[in-house]
Amino acid sequence: MKLPVYLYGHPVLRKESVEVDANYPDLKKLVDDMFETMYFSEGVGLAAPQIGRNDRLVVIDASPMAEAFPECDGWKHALINPEIEILDGDPISRTEGCLSLPGLSEDVSRVEHIRLKWLDTDFQPHEEEISGFLARIVQHECDHLEGQLYIDHISLIRKQLIRGKLHNIMDGKTRCDYPAKYAPKKKK
């Protein structure tokens, strides 16, 4: 089932997510729905807050990026309670976009070598060192679990320059090609 993607300005995107346990109801169905939503929206990752749930859950299928970034080939996982450890390397600036910020993209500086620990949907633990653009995708999605968006990593000047676009998203004036949930209107 395709779920609506919550857009910039919705309070759920700014809350810190809580851990998922083995008693989570219909977890595998939720993961399937998240993948379906992500594919329909033409994304390579989707975090639970983006569908209105403050759970530490992320789905990623980086395969569409494999032609430009070979480390992404075949990398498809549901990450439950992911933890990132930053390893060595200087931050590199690359352009990022986000389903919750339709029509926007900005250069974001991130390290490109991390260690990722997570549980799969059977609650089996995994650990992997990840580099390159794949590390960027993982960091971007895991930021959502901390109530952060990629625009939190850009300069104040850039934020000022895109302020009008951000307001348009919050005010429901930006349209996207996938089901979306806009921020609640403020009471006057």
C-alpha atoms as a PDB file:
ATOM      1  CA  MET A   1       0.000   0.000   0.000  1.00  0.00           C
ATOM      2  CA  LYS A   2       1.321   3.426  -0.946  1.00  0.00           C
ATOM      3  CA  LEU A   3       1.508   5.686   2.088  1.00  0.00           C
ATOM      4  CA  PRO A   4       1.532   9.500   2.032  1.00  0.00           C
ATOM      5  CA  VAL A   5       4.945  11.112   2.469  1.00  0.00           C
ATOM      6  CA  TYR A   6       4.927  13.768   5.184  1.00  0.00           C
ATOM      7  CA  LEU A   7       6.314  17.047   3.884  1.00  0.00           C
ATOM      8  CA  TYR A   8       8.487  19.758   5.368  1.00  0.00           C
ATOM      9  CA  GLY A   9       6.806  21.652   8.175  1.00  0.00           C
ATOM     10  CA  HIS A  10       4.971  18.651   9.562  1.00  0.00           C
ATOM     11  CA  PRO A  11       5.954  18.283  13.256  1.00  0.00           C
ATOM     12  CA  VAL A  12       6.491  14.507  12.973  1.00  0.00           C
ATOM     13  CA  LEU A  13       9.644  15.182  10.935  1.00  0.00           C
ATOM     14  CA  ARG A  14      11.259  17.020  13.848  1.00  0.00           C
ATOM     15  CA  LYS A  15      10.695  14.440  16.591  1.00  0.00           C
ATOM     16  CA  GLU A  16      13.316  11.963  17.717  1.00  0.00           C
ATOM     17  CA  SER A  17      12.243   8.404  16.914  1.00  0.00           C
ATOM     18  CA  VAL A  18      11.852   5.570  19.413  1.00  0.00           C
ATOM     19  CA  GLU A  19      13.339   2.085  19.161  1.00  0.00           C
ATOM     20  CA  VAL A  20      11.381  -0.707  17.538  1.00  0.00           C
ATOM     21  CA  ASP A  21      11.036  -3.991  19.430  1.00  0.00           C
ATOM     22  CA  ALA A  22      10.151  -7.512  18.341  1.00  0.00           C
ATOM     23  CA  ASN A  23       6.499  -6.994  19.369  1.00  0.00           C
ATOM     24  CA  TYR A  24       5.943  -4.218  16.831  1.00  0.00           C
ATOM     25  CA  PRO A  25       2.593  -4.981  15.169  1.00  0.00           C
ATOM     26  CA  ASP A  26       2.676  -5.896  11.459  1.00  0.00           C
ATOM     27  CA  LEU A  27       6.315  -4.839  11.050  1.00  0.00           C
ATOM     28  CA  LYS A  28       6.918  -6.775   7.830  1.00  0.00           C
ATOM     29  CA  LYS A  29       3.756  -5.324   6.260  1.00  0.00           C
ATOM     30  CA  LEU A  30       4.899  -1.821   7.234  1.00  0.00           C
ATOM     31  CA  VAL A  31       8.327  -2.455   5.693  1.00  0.00           C
ATOM     32  CA  ASP A  32       6.677  -3.705   2.476  1.00  0.00           C
ATOM     33  CA  ASP A  33       4.458  -0.599   2.401  1.00  0.00           C
ATOM     34  CA  MET A  34       7.481   1.639   2.957  1.00  0.00           C
ATOM     35  CA  PHE A  35       9.352   0.040   0.052  1.00  0.00           C
ATOM     36  CA  GLU A  36       6.259   0.392  -2.168  1.00  0.00           C
ATOM     37  CA  THR A  37       5.920   4.062  -1.172  1.00  0.00           C
ATOM     38  CA  MET A  38       9.626   4.699  -1.766  1.00  0.00           C
ATOM     39  CA  TYR A  39       9.584   3.077  -5.224  1.00  0.00           C
ATOM     40  CA  PHE A  40       6.398   4.878  -6.265  1.00  0.00           C
ATOM     41  CA  SER A  41       7.938   8.187  -5.119  1.00  0.00           C
ATOM     42  CA  GLU A  42      11.173   7.381  -6.991  1.00  0.00           C
ATOM     43  CA  GLY A  43      13.320   7.591  -3.878  1.00  0.00           C
ATOM     44  CA  VAL A  44      16.242   5.434  -2.787  1.00  0.00           C
ATOM     45  CA  GLY A  45      15.460   5.660   0.920  1.00  0.00           C
ATOM     46  CA  LEU A  46      12.560   6.325   3.248  1.00  0.00           C
ATOM     47  CA  ALA A  47      12.503   6.732   7.018  1.00  0.00           C
ATOM     48  CA  ALA A  48       9.490   6.024   9.231  1.00  0.00           C
ATOM     49  CA  PRO A  49       9.027   9.704  10.247  1.00  0.00           C
ATOM     50  CA  GLN A  50       8.451  10.459   6.561  1.00  0.00           C
ATOM     51  CA  ILE A  51       5.297   8.355   6.734  1.00  0.00           C
ATOM     52  CA  GLY A  52       4.206   9.827  10.049  1.00  0.00           C
ATOM     53  CA  ARG A  53       5.710   7.252  12.431  1.00  0.00           C
ATOM     54  CA  ASN A  54       8.373   8.081  14.979  1.00  0.00           C
ATOM     55  CA  ASP A  55       9.948   4.645  14.881  1.00  0.00           C
ATOM     56  CA  ARG A  56      13.625   3.859  14.303  1.00  0.00           C
ATOM     57  CA  LEU A  57      12.991   2.210  10.948  1.00  0.00           C
ATOM     58  CA  VAL A  58      14.486   2.960   7.521  1.00  0.00           C
ATOM     59  CA  VAL A  59      14.206   1.276   4.137  1.00  0.00           C
ATOM     60  CA  ILE A  60      16.877   1.736   1.474  1.00  0.00           C
ATOM     61  CA  ASP A  61      17.316   0.393  -2.026  1.00  0.00           C
ATOM     62  CA  ALA A  62      20.371   2.188  -3.394  1.00  0.00           C
ATOM     63  CA  SER A  63      20.484   0.075  -6.595  1.00  0.00           C
ATOM     64  CA  PRO A  64      19.188   2.880  -8.876  1.00  0.00           C
ATOM     65  CA  MET A  65      22.364   4.819  -8.060  1.00  0.00           C
ATOM     66  CA  ALA A  66      24.692   1.911  -8.978  1.00  0.00           C
ATOM     67  CA  GLU A  67      25.651   3.152 -12.428  1.00  0.00           C
ATOM     68  CA  ALA A  68      27.216   6.304 -10.984  1.00  0.00           C
ATOM     69  CA  PHE A  69      28.121   4.802  -7.593  1.00  0.00           C
ATOM     70  CA  PRO A  70      29.010   1.073  -7.821  1.00  0.00           C
ATOM     71  CA  GLU A  71      28.951   0.646  -4.008  1.00  0.00           C
ATOM     72  CA  CYS A  72      25.155   1.055  -4.231  1.00  0.00           C
ATOM     73  CA  ASP A  73      24.662  -2.008  -6.449  1.00  0.00           C
ATOM     74  CA  GLY A  74      22.307  -4.520  -4.843  1.00  0.00           C
ATOM     75  CA  TRP A  75      22.189  -2.690  -1.502  1.00  0.00           C
ATOM     76  CA  LYS A  76      18.580  -3.140  -0.360  1.00  0.00           C
ATOM     77  CA  HIS A  77      17.771  -3.361   3.348  1.00  0.00           C
ATOM     78  CA  ALA A  78      15.250  -2.533   6.011  1.00  0.00           C
ATOM     79  CA  LEU A  79      17.193  -1.063   8.930  1.00  0.00           C
ATOM     80  CA  ILE A  80      15.672  -1.429  12.371  1.00  0.00           C
ATOM     81  CA  ASN A  81      17.235   0.640  15.161  1.00  0.00           C
ATOM     82  CA  PRO A  82      20.243   1.595  13.002  1.00  0.00           C
ATOM     83  CA  GLU A  83      23.369   3.010  14.615  1.00  0.00           C
ATOM     84  CA  ILE A  84      26.076   4.874  12.724  1.00  0.00           C
ATOM     85  CA  GLU A  85      29.693   5.254  13.719  1.00  0.00           C
ATOM     86  CA  ILE A  86      31.620   7.840  11.718  1.00  0.00           C
ATOM     87  CA  LEU A  87      34.951   6.438  10.565  1.00  0.00           C
ATOM     88  CA  ASP A  88      37.888   8.252   8.989  1.00  0.00           C
ATOM     89  CA  GLY A  89      37.765  10.680   6.108  1.00  0.00           C
ATOM     90  CA  ASP A  90      37.160  14.321   5.407  1.00  0.00           C
ATOM     91  CA  PRO A  91      33.618  15.437   4.657  1.00  0.00           C
ATOM     92  CA  ILE A  92      32.724  15.674   0.972  1.00  0.00           C
ATOM     93  CA  SER A  93      30.026  17.939  -0.405  1.00  0.00           C
ATOM     94  CA  ARG A  94      27.442  16.401  -2.757  1.00  0.00           C
ATOM     95  CA  THR A  95      23.909  17.285  -3.782  1.00  0.00           C
ATOM     96  CA  GLU A  96      21.065  15.715  -1.818  1.00  0.00           C
ATOM     97  CA  GLY A  97      17.317  15.773  -2.202  1.00  0.00           C
ATOM     98  CA  CYS A  98      14.513  14.403  -0.064  1.00  0.00           C
ATOM     99  CA  LEU A  99      10.969  13.170  -0.635  1.00  0.00           C
ATOM    100  CA  SER A 100       9.862  15.379   2.275  1.00  0.00           C
ATOM    101  CA  LEU A 101      11.321  18.443   0.508  1.00  0.00           C
ATOM    102  CA  PRO A 102       9.958  18.108  -3.044  1.00  0.00           C
ATOM    103  CA  GLY A 103      11.591  20.243  -5.695  1.00  0.00           C
ATOM    104  CA  LEU A 104      14.623  21.094  -3.576  1.00  0.00           C
ATOM    105  CA  SER A 105      18.210  19.894  -3.601  1.00  0.00           C
ATOM    106  CA  GLU A 106      21.256  21.307  -1.846  1.00  0.00           C
ATOM    107  CA  ASP A 107      24.922  20.502  -1.435  1.00  0.00           C
ATOM    108  CA  VAL A 108      25.524  18.795   1.905  1.00  0.00           C
ATOM    109  CA  SER A 109      28.893  17.960   3.432  1.00  0.00           C
ATOM    110  CA  ARG A 110      29.154  14.449   4.932  1.00  0.00           C
ATOM    111  CA  VAL A 111      31.855  11.893   5.628  1.00  0.00           C
ATOM    112  CA  GLU A 112      31.804   8.969   3.233  1.00  0.00           C
ATOM    113  CA  HIS A 113      33.068   6.152   5.443  1.00  0.00           C
ATOM    114  CA  ILE A 114      30.881   4.806   8.259  1.00  0.00           C
ATOM    115  CA  ARG A 115      30.157   1.669  10.225  1.00  0.00           C
ATOM    116  CA  LEU A 116      26.480   0.750  10.299  1.00  0.00           C
ATOM    117  CA  LYS A 117      24.843  -1.571  12.825  1.00  0.00           C
ATOM    118  CA  TRP A 118      21.190  -2.567  12.480  1.00  0.00           C
ATOM    119  CA  LEU A 119      18.614  -5.277  12.992  1.00  0.00           C
ATOM    120  CA  ASP A 120      16.730  -6.858  10.104  1.00  0.00           C
ATOM    121  CA  THR A 121      12.995  -7.612  10.190  1.00  0.00           C
ATOM    122  CA  ASP A 122      13.715 -10.903  11.969  1.00  0.00           C
ATOM    123  CA  PHE A 123      15.647  -8.896  14.587  1.00  0.00           C
ATOM    124  CA  GLN A 124      18.937 -10.444  13.553  1.00  0.00           C
ATOM    125  CA  PRO A 125      21.919  -8.099  14.048  1.00  0.00           C
ATOM    126  CA  HIS A 126      24.091  -6.882  11.164  1.00  0.00           C
ATOM    127  CA  GLU A 127      27.200  -4.734  10.937  1.00  0.00           C
ATOM    128  CA  GLU A 128      28.878  -3.366   7.829  1.00  0.00           C
ATOM    129  CA  GLU A 129      31.438  -0.735   6.886  1.00  0.00           C
ATOM    130  CA  ILE A 130      30.020   1.457   4.153  1.00  0.00           C
ATOM    131  CA  SER A 131      31.734   4.013   1.955  1.00  0.00           C
ATOM    132  CA  GLY A 132      31.006   6.482  -0.803  1.00  0.00           C
ATOM    133  CA  PHE A 133      27.571   7.637  -1.838  1.00  0.00           C
ATOM    134  CA  LEU A 134      25.945   4.705  -0.039  1.00  0.00           C
ATOM    135  CA  ALA A 135      27.258   6.069   3.270  1.00  0.00           C
ATOM    136  CA  ARG A 136      25.636   9.398   2.386  1.00  0.00           C
ATOM    137  CA  ILE A 137      22.257   7.754   1.725  1.00  0.00           C
ATOM    138  CA  VAL A 138      22.402   5.898   5.050  1.00  0.00           C
ATOM    139  CA  GLN A 139      23.354   9.041   6.979  1.00  0.00           C
ATOM    140  CA  HIS A 140      20.609  11.053   5.277  1.00  0.00           C
ATOM    141  CA  GLU A 141      17.922   8.497   6.166  1.00  0.00           C
ATOM    142  CA  CYS A 142      19.189   7.998   9.724  1.00  0.00           C
ATOM    143  CA  ASP A 143      19.133  11.783  10.251  1.00  0.00           C
ATOM    144  CA  HIS A 144      15.343  11.546   9.915  1.00  0.00           C
ATOM    145  CA  LEU A 145      15.295   9.298  12.990  1.00  0.00           C
ATOM    146  CA  GLU A 146      16.912  12.118  14.980  1.00  0.00           C
ATOM    147  CA  GLY A 147      14.404  14.708  13.763  1.00  0.00           C
ATOM    148  CA  GLN A 148      16.891  16.210  11.316  1.00  0.00           C
ATOM    149  CA  LEU A 149      16.639  17.053   7.629  1.00  0.00           C
ATOM    150  CA  TYR A 150      19.450  17.568   5.147  1.00  0.00           C
ATOM    151  CA  ILE A 151      18.766  21.310   5.150  1.00  0.00           C
ATOM    152  CA  ASP A 152      19.965  21.351   8.772  1.00  0.00           C
ATOM    153  CA  HIS A 153      23.456  20.752   7.342  1.00  0.00           C
ATOM    154  CA  ILE A 154      23.506  23.714   4.935  1.00  0.00           C
ATOM    155  CA  SER A 155      24.708  27.262   5.605  1.00  0.00           C
ATOM    156  CA  LEU A 156      22.454  29.986   6.974  1.00  0.00           C
ATOM    157  CA  ILE A 157      22.860  31.881   3.700  1.00  0.00           C
ATOM    158  CA  ARG A 158      21.586  28.895   1.687  1.00  0.00           C
ATOM    159  CA  LYS A 159      18.663  28.514   4.115  1.00  0.00           C
ATOM    160  CA  GLN A 160      17.763  32.159   3.545  1.00  0.00           C
ATOM    161  CA  LEU A 161      17.920  31.663  -0.223  1.00  0.00           C
ATOM    162  CA  ILE A 162      15.485  28.718  -0.141  1.00  0.00           C
ATOM    163  CA  ARG A 163      13.213  30.153   2.547  1.00  0.00           C
ATOM    164  CA  GLY A 164      10.446  30.976   0.067  1.00  0.00           C
ATOM    165  CA  LYS A 165      10.478  27.415  -1.309  1.00  0.00           C
ATOM    166  CA  LEU A 166      10.325  26.004   2.214  1.00  0.00           C
ATOM    167  CA  HIS A 167       7.325  28.217   3.011  1.00  0.00           C
ATOM    168  CA  ASN A 168       5.626  27.054  -0.188  1.00  0.00           C
ATOM    169  CA  ILE A 169       6.017  23.425   0.938  1.00  0.00           C
ATOM    170  CA  MET A 170       4.650  24.245   4.405  1.00  0.00           C
ATOM    171  CA  ASP A 171       1.752  26.209   2.937  1.00  0.00           C
ATOM    172  CA  GLY A 172       0.768  23.351   0.611  1.00  0.00           C
ATOM    173  CA  LYS A 173       1.701  25.306  -2.533  1.00  0.00           C
ATOM    174  CA  THR A 174       4.260  22.743  -3.695  1.00  0.00           C
ATOM    175  CA  ARG A 175       2.920  19.716  -5.502  1.00  0.00           C
ATOM    176  CA  CYS A 176       4.572  16.346  -5.926  1.00  0.00           C
ATOM    177  CA  ASP A 177       3.826  13.248  -8.001  1.00  0.00           C
ATOM    178  CA  TYR A 178       3.216  10.998  -4.997  1.00  0.00           C
ATOM    179  CA  PRO A 179       0.717  10.980  -2.132  1.00  0.00           C
ATOM    180  CA  ALA A 180       1.739  13.617   0.394  1.00  0.00           C
ATOM    181  CA  LYS A 181       0.671  14.880   3.785  1.00  0.00           C
ATOM    182  CA  TYR A 182       1.192  18.582   4.292  1.00  0.00           C
ATOM    183  CA  ALA A 183       1.891  20.356   7.578  1.00  0.00           C
ATOM    184  CA  PRO A 184      -1.209  21.144   9.598  1.00  0.00           C
ATOM    185  CA  LYS A 185      -2.453  24.674   9.080  1.00  0.00           C
ATOM    186  CA  LYS A 186      -1.645  27.031  11.944  1.00  0.00           C
ATOM    187  CA  LYS A 187      -4.656  28.367  13.798  1.00  0.00           C
ATOM    188  CA  LYS A 188      -5.064  32.117  13.626  1.00  0.00           C
END
